[in-house]
N, C-alpha and C. Protein backbone atom coordinates (compact mmCIF):
# COMPACT_ATOMS: atom_id res chain seq x y z
N MET A 1 108.98 79.91 -181.56
CA MET A 1 109.02 79.01 -180.50
C MET A 1 107.85 78.93 -179.73
N TRP A 2 107.36 80.29 -179.57
CA TRP A 2 106.08 80.01 -178.67
C TRP A 2 104.80 79.21 -179.46
N VAL A 3 104.88 79.37 -180.71
CA VAL A 3 103.93 78.57 -181.48
C VAL A 3 104.03 77.09 -181.37
N TRP A 4 105.42 76.58 -181.35
CA TRP A 4 105.49 75.31 -181.12
C TRP A 4 105.22 74.71 -179.73
N ILE A 5 105.39 75.49 -178.74
CA ILE A 5 104.89 75.12 -177.35
C ILE A 5 103.52 75.13 -177.34
N ALA A 6 102.62 75.92 -177.83
CA ALA A 6 101.45 76.04 -177.79
C ALA A 6 100.96 74.85 -178.60
N VAL A 7 101.40 74.37 -179.85
CA VAL A 7 100.89 73.31 -180.55
C VAL A 7 101.14 71.94 -179.77
N VAL A 8 102.21 71.84 -178.91
CA VAL A 8 102.51 70.81 -178.35
C VAL A 8 101.56 70.74 -177.17
N ALA A 9 101.36 71.92 -176.54
CA ALA A 9 100.40 71.82 -175.38
C ALA A 9 98.96 71.40 -175.84
N ILE A 10 98.53 71.95 -176.95
CA ILE A 10 97.21 71.70 -177.38
C ILE A 10 97.15 70.06 -177.76
N ALA A 11 98.22 69.62 -178.26
CA ALA A 11 98.15 68.17 -178.63
C ALA A 11 98.13 67.27 -177.40
N LEU A 12 98.75 67.84 -176.46
CA LEU A 12 98.80 66.93 -175.15
C LEU A 12 97.35 67.09 -174.45
N VAL A 13 96.87 68.17 -174.54
CA VAL A 13 95.36 68.30 -174.03
C VAL A 13 94.44 67.48 -174.59
N VAL A 14 94.56 67.42 -176.01
CA VAL A 14 93.60 66.56 -176.93
C VAL A 14 94.01 65.31 -176.63
N LEU A 15 95.26 64.68 -176.42
CA LEU A 15 95.55 63.46 -176.18
C LEU A 15 95.06 63.01 -174.85
N VAL A 16 95.15 63.62 -173.76
CA VAL A 16 94.70 63.37 -172.43
C VAL A 16 93.44 63.21 -172.47
N SER A 17 92.60 64.15 -173.17
CA SER A 17 91.19 64.13 -173.41
C SER A 17 90.60 62.88 -173.82
N LEU A 18 91.39 62.38 -174.97
CA LEU A 18 90.97 61.27 -175.57
C LEU A 18 91.24 59.92 -174.64
N ALA A 19 92.27 60.00 -174.08
CA ALA A 19 92.59 58.89 -173.07
C ALA A 19 91.79 58.87 -172.10
N VAL A 20 91.15 59.86 -171.58
CA VAL A 20 90.27 59.80 -170.53
C VAL A 20 88.81 59.15 -171.07
N ARG A 21 88.41 59.61 -172.33
CA ARG A 21 87.20 59.05 -172.75
C ARG A 21 87.53 57.54 -172.97
N LEU A 22 88.58 57.11 -173.71
CA LEU A 22 88.85 55.63 -173.70
C LEU A 22 88.75 54.98 -172.58
N LEU A 23 89.37 55.41 -171.47
CA LEU A 23 89.40 54.76 -170.22
C LEU A 23 87.97 54.59 -169.49
N GLY A 24 87.23 55.72 -169.63
CA GLY A 24 85.86 55.60 -169.29
C GLY A 24 84.96 54.43 -170.12
N ARG A 25 85.16 54.26 -171.48
CA ARG A 25 84.66 53.35 -172.16
C ARG A 25 85.06 51.89 -171.77
N LEU A 26 86.33 51.77 -171.57
CA LEU A 26 86.89 50.55 -171.09
C LEU A 26 86.34 50.02 -169.89
N SER A 27 86.17 50.95 -168.87
CA SER A 27 85.64 50.60 -167.59
C SER A 27 84.07 50.06 -167.68
N GLY A 28 83.47 50.63 -168.73
CA GLY A 28 82.15 50.29 -169.03
C GLY A 28 81.92 49.00 -169.58
N LEU A 29 83.14 48.68 -170.61
CA LEU A 29 83.11 47.34 -171.10
C LEU A 29 83.50 46.30 -170.17
N GLN A 30 84.41 46.66 -169.26
CA GLN A 30 84.64 45.77 -168.09
C GLN A 30 83.35 45.21 -167.29
N ARG A 31 82.56 46.23 -166.93
CA ARG A 31 81.45 46.05 -166.13
C ARG A 31 80.54 45.15 -166.85
N ALA A 32 80.31 45.33 -168.29
CA ALA A 32 79.43 44.47 -169.18
C ALA A 32 79.89 43.13 -169.25
N ALA A 33 81.27 43.03 -169.38
CA ALA A 33 81.98 41.59 -169.49
C ALA A 33 81.76 40.90 -168.26
N ARG A 34 81.74 41.52 -166.92
CA ARG A 34 81.46 40.91 -165.71
C ARG A 34 80.11 40.45 -165.50
N ARG A 35 79.06 41.28 -166.12
CA ARG A 35 77.68 40.98 -165.99
C ARG A 35 77.43 39.62 -166.97
N LEU A 36 78.03 39.75 -168.01
CA LEU A 36 78.01 38.44 -168.92
C LEU A 36 78.47 37.45 -168.45
N GLN A 37 79.46 37.37 -167.74
CA GLN A 37 80.35 36.22 -167.10
C GLN A 37 79.27 35.61 -165.91
N ARG A 38 78.67 36.56 -165.28
CA ARG A 38 77.91 36.15 -164.09
C ARG A 38 76.45 35.64 -164.65
N ARG A 39 76.01 36.00 -165.80
CA ARG A 39 75.08 35.46 -166.50
C ARG A 39 75.05 34.04 -167.06
N GLN A 40 76.40 33.85 -167.58
CA GLN A 40 76.82 32.60 -168.10
C GLN A 40 77.00 31.67 -166.96
N GLU A 41 77.41 31.98 -165.87
CA GLU A 41 77.56 31.17 -164.75
C GLU A 41 76.27 30.70 -164.24
N GLU A 42 75.36 31.66 -164.21
CA GLU A 42 73.88 31.35 -163.74
C GLU A 42 73.15 30.49 -164.80
N ALA A 43 73.33 30.61 -166.09
CA ALA A 43 72.86 29.79 -167.07
C ALA A 43 73.56 28.27 -166.87
N LEU A 44 74.76 28.20 -166.52
CA LEU A 44 75.26 26.91 -166.35
C LEU A 44 74.67 26.22 -165.28
N ARG A 45 74.45 26.96 -164.05
CA ARG A 45 73.77 26.34 -162.89
C ARG A 45 72.25 26.09 -163.25
N LEU A 46 71.67 26.87 -164.10
CA LEU A 46 70.34 26.41 -164.40
C LEU A 46 70.25 25.30 -165.30
N GLN A 47 71.22 25.12 -166.05
CA GLN A 47 71.23 23.87 -166.97
C GLN A 47 71.55 22.65 -166.13
N ALA A 48 72.40 22.81 -165.18
CA ALA A 48 72.66 21.51 -164.35
C ALA A 48 71.46 21.32 -163.59
N GLY A 49 70.70 22.29 -163.06
CA GLY A 49 69.39 22.00 -162.39
C GLY A 49 68.31 21.31 -163.41
N ALA A 50 68.35 21.86 -164.44
CA ALA A 50 67.40 21.14 -165.63
C ALA A 50 67.76 19.74 -165.98
N GLU A 51 69.00 19.55 -165.93
CA GLU A 51 69.30 18.06 -166.22
C GLU A 51 69.05 17.29 -165.11
N SER A 52 69.13 17.85 -163.72
CA SER A 52 68.76 16.94 -162.53
C SER A 52 67.37 16.83 -162.65
N LEU A 53 66.57 17.68 -163.01
CA LEU A 53 65.03 17.71 -162.86
C LEU A 53 64.65 16.71 -163.99
N GLN A 54 65.43 16.75 -165.14
CA GLN A 54 65.01 15.87 -166.35
C GLN A 54 65.06 14.27 -165.74
N GLN A 55 66.22 14.02 -165.00
CA GLN A 55 66.45 12.70 -164.49
C GLN A 55 65.45 12.25 -163.55
N THR A 56 65.11 13.32 -162.73
CA THR A 56 64.00 12.94 -161.74
C THR A 56 62.66 12.73 -162.37
N VAL A 57 62.17 13.46 -163.52
CA VAL A 57 60.96 13.22 -164.17
C VAL A 57 61.15 11.79 -164.83
N GLN A 58 62.29 11.53 -165.36
CA GLN A 58 62.37 10.18 -165.98
C GLN A 58 62.19 8.95 -165.00
N GLY A 59 62.73 9.17 -163.78
CA GLY A 59 62.61 8.23 -162.90
C GLY A 59 61.19 8.01 -162.43
N LEU A 60 60.45 9.23 -162.32
CA LEU A 60 59.03 9.12 -161.83
C LEU A 60 58.18 8.40 -163.08
N GLN A 61 58.50 8.75 -164.31
CA GLN A 61 57.81 8.15 -165.40
C GLN A 61 58.08 6.50 -165.31
N ASP A 62 59.34 6.22 -164.99
CA ASP A 62 59.54 4.62 -164.95
C ASP A 62 58.74 4.15 -163.91
N ARG A 63 58.65 4.94 -162.77
CA ARG A 63 57.98 4.26 -161.65
C ARG A 63 56.48 4.19 -161.97
N ALA A 64 56.06 5.19 -162.58
CA ALA A 64 54.62 5.13 -162.83
C ALA A 64 54.13 4.10 -163.86
N GLU A 65 55.20 3.79 -164.84
CA GLU A 65 54.89 2.62 -165.69
C GLU A 65 54.81 1.44 -164.87
N ILE A 66 55.78 1.13 -163.96
CA ILE A 66 55.94 -0.09 -163.29
C ILE A 66 54.59 -0.18 -162.54
N ALA A 67 54.14 0.98 -161.87
CA ALA A 67 52.97 0.89 -160.91
C ALA A 67 51.80 0.39 -161.86
N GLN A 68 51.66 1.11 -163.13
CA GLN A 68 50.56 0.95 -164.10
C GLN A 68 50.51 -0.52 -164.41
N GLY A 69 51.59 -1.24 -164.71
CA GLY A 69 51.75 -2.51 -165.05
C GLY A 69 51.24 -3.61 -163.71
N ARG A 70 51.70 -3.12 -162.62
CA ARG A 70 51.20 -3.76 -161.36
C ARG A 70 49.59 -3.84 -161.36
N VAL A 71 49.07 -2.56 -161.53
CA VAL A 71 47.62 -2.37 -161.49
C VAL A 71 47.12 -3.30 -162.56
N ALA A 72 47.71 -3.32 -163.70
CA ALA A 72 46.96 -4.08 -164.71
C ALA A 72 47.13 -5.68 -164.37
N GLN A 73 48.15 -6.02 -163.62
CA GLN A 73 48.15 -7.45 -163.08
C GLN A 73 47.13 -7.83 -162.22
N ILE A 74 47.05 -6.67 -161.32
CA ILE A 74 45.92 -7.01 -160.12
C ILE A 74 44.60 -7.06 -160.80
N GLN A 75 44.34 -6.06 -161.54
CA GLN A 75 43.06 -6.11 -162.24
C GLN A 75 42.67 -7.41 -163.06
N ALA A 76 43.67 -7.97 -163.88
CA ALA A 76 43.45 -9.22 -164.43
C ALA A 76 43.48 -10.30 -163.64
N GLY A 77 44.08 -10.33 -162.35
CA GLY A 77 43.88 -11.44 -161.34
C GLY A 77 42.68 -11.37 -160.73
N LEU A 78 41.88 -10.03 -160.77
CA LEU A 78 40.50 -10.02 -160.08
C LEU A 78 39.52 -10.45 -161.17
N GLY A 79 39.76 -10.57 -162.39
CA GLY A 79 38.91 -10.80 -163.40
C GLY A 79 38.30 -9.64 -164.15
N ARG A 80 38.77 -8.42 -164.04
CA ARG A 80 38.17 -7.25 -164.38
C ARG A 80 38.59 -7.04 -165.82
């Protein structure tokens, strides 16, 4: 009878020990998942900023081409 009680007690100790280790790893995985989620959100914000910057650059290029055309017209009118 005592042998069975000892076996059950040892099994419970091992089971609790494994459960504690597993919970420790799970909390580490949760922290890593939160970090990844924050980085993903940051990447999306940066991507939106890059798209806005790209539109601004395109607008500036368009304006530069228009200005260059006007300068060419002025120079042609002055006979240069």
